[in-house]
Amino acid sequence: MTIKTKRIYEPATATDGYRVLVDRLWPRGLTKEAAGIDRWMKEVAPSNELRTWFHSHMDEWDEFSARYKAELKDSEALAALHEIISDHEVVTLLFAAKTEDRNQALVLKELLEKA
């Protein structure tokens, strides 16, 4: 199994495999057809409170990561995502954030690869 992360605004490719959007909000300016996703799992995204906090504390990546992992502990949504990943050879977790090195998809990827 391979788990990748990618900005939703980048074009879909055959190497993406099964494409899962992991944002709570739909990406601005993007139609569902243009997104080319297989599944939208907004329930696995950070809570609105954590998302809002992170936007004003972008320099506190470790704290965001810890808080997000705490939210995901015993999460049915994370278990469902894990099932999806086990059913596909390649899964790409899609996110809208401009920061490719600090986003929820990276935290999810880390958790899923450890499981």
Protein backbone atom coordinates (compact mmCIF):
# COMPACT_ATOMS: atom_id res chain seq x y z
CA MET A 1 0.00 0.00 0.00
CA THR A 2 1.20 3.48 -0.87
CA ILE A 3 -0.17 6.66 0.69
CA LYS A 4 0.55 9.96 -1.01
CA THR A 5 -0.44 13.55 -0.28
CA LYS A 6 -1.23 16.19 -2.88
CA ARG A 7 -2.84 19.61 -3.22
CA ILE A 8 -6.34 19.27 -4.66
CA TYR A 9 -5.55 22.06 -7.13
CA GLU A 10 -2.88 19.96 -8.85
CA PRO A 11 -4.15 17.94 -11.82
CA ALA A 12 -5.22 14.36 -11.18
CA THR A 13 -2.92 11.70 -12.61
CA ALA A 14 -3.21 7.97 -13.09
CA THR A 15 -0.52 7.45 -10.45
CA ASP A 16 -2.75 9.07 -7.78
CA GLY A 17 -4.75 5.89 -7.38
CA TYR A 18 -7.83 6.36 -5.18
CA ARG A 19 -8.22 10.08 -4.44
CA VAL A 20 -9.61 11.11 -1.03
CA LEU A 21 -10.26 14.74 -0.10
CA VAL A 22 -9.56 15.18 3.63
CA ASP A 23 -10.68 18.81 4.07
CA ARG A 24 -13.75 19.82 6.08
CA LEU A 25 -14.62 22.59 3.61
CA TRP A 26 -14.91 22.22 -0.15
CA PRO A 27 -11.90 23.87 -1.91
CA ARG A 28 -12.64 27.35 -3.24
CA GLY A 29 -13.09 27.76 -6.96
CA LEU A 30 -13.07 24.04 -7.74
CA THR A 31 -15.97 22.09 -9.18
CA LYS A 32 -16.57 18.52 -8.12
CA GLU A 33 -15.94 17.41 -11.69
CA ALA A 34 -12.60 19.23 -11.87
CA ALA A 35 -11.52 17.84 -8.49
CA GLY A 36 -11.63 14.27 -9.75
CA ILE A 37 -12.02 12.77 -6.30
CA ASP A 38 -13.23 9.31 -5.44
CA ARG A 39 -14.33 10.21 -1.91
CA TRP A 40 -14.72 13.29 0.28
CA MET A 41 -14.09 12.46 3.94
CA LYS A 42 -14.74 15.75 5.70
CA GLU A 43 -15.40 13.83 8.91
CA VAL A 44 -11.69 12.93 9.19
CA ALA A 45 -10.60 16.57 8.82
CA PRO A 46 -9.64 18.71 11.82
CA SER A 47 -12.58 20.17 13.76
CA ASN A 48 -13.66 23.70 12.89
CA GLU A 49 -12.15 24.88 16.18
CA LEU A 50 -8.76 23.30 15.49
CA ARG A 51 -8.77 24.45 11.87
CA THR A 52 -9.48 28.04 12.95
CA TRP A 53 -6.82 27.86 15.67
CA PHE A 54 -4.20 26.58 13.23
CA HIS A 55 -4.87 29.37 10.72
CA SER A 56 -3.80 31.88 13.36
CA HIS A 57 -0.95 29.72 14.72
CA MET A 58 0.71 28.39 11.56
CA ASP A 59 4.11 28.45 13.25
CA GLU A 60 2.94 25.93 15.89
CA TRP A 61 2.98 22.82 13.71
CA ASP A 62 3.92 20.39 16.48
CA GLU A 63 1.05 21.63 18.65
CA PHE A 64 -1.41 21.37 15.76
CA SER A 65 -0.23 17.87 14.99
CA ALA A 66 -0.61 16.78 18.62
CA ARG A 67 -4.09 18.31 18.93
CA TYR A 68 -5.22 16.76 15.65
CA LYS A 69 -3.93 13.33 16.67
CA ALA A 70 -5.85 13.70 19.94
CA GLU A 71 -9.02 14.47 17.98
CA LEU A 72 -8.47 11.38 15.84
CA LYS A 73 -7.89 9.02 18.76
CA ASP A 74 -10.57 6.30 18.62
CA SER A 75 -12.11 8.06 15.59
CA GLU A 76 -14.57 6.07 13.49
CA ALA A 77 -13.69 8.31 10.55
CA LEU A 78 -10.00 7.40 10.82
CA ALA A 79 -10.94 3.72 10.99
CA ALA A 80 -13.05 4.14 7.84
CA LEU A 81 -10.14 5.84 6.07
CA HIS A 82 -7.86 3.01 7.14
CA GLU A 83 -10.31 0.53 5.55
CA ILE A 84 -10.30 2.50 2.31
CA ILE A 85 -6.51 2.47 2.26
CA SER A 86 -6.37 -1.27 2.83
CA ASP A 87 -8.71 -1.75 -0.15
CA HIS A 88 -6.51 0.18 -2.62
CA GLU A 89 -2.91 -0.20 -3.72
CA VAL A 90 -2.36 3.57 -3.97
CA VAL A 91 -4.32 6.26 -2.12
CA THR A 92 -3.72 10.00 -2.42
CA LEU A 93 -4.90 12.20 0.44
CA LEU A 94 -5.94 15.54 -1.03
CA PHE A 95 -5.84 18.89 0.76
CA ALA A 96 -6.41 22.53 -0.21
CA ALA A 97 -3.84 24.18 2.08
CA LYS A 98 -1.12 26.19 0.39
CA THR A 99 1.49 24.75 2.73
CA GLU A 100 2.55 21.37 1.42
CA ASP A 101 4.78 20.74 4.44
CA ARG A 102 2.16 21.62 7.11
CA ASN A 103 -1.33 20.25 6.58
CA GLN A 104 -3.68 17.63 7.98
CA ALA A 105 -3.01 15.16 5.16
CA LEU A 106 0.56 14.74 6.42
CA VAL A 107 -0.67 13.95 9.94
CA LEU A 108 -3.17 11.44 8.55
CA LYS A 109 -0.50 9.83 6.37
CA GLU A 110 1.79 9.45 9.39
CA LEU A 111 -0.97 7.86 11.48
CA LEU A 112 -2.09 5.51 8.71
CA GLU A 113 1.42 4.34 7.91
CA LYS A 114 2.02 3.49 11.59
CA ALA A 115 -1.21 1.49 11.87
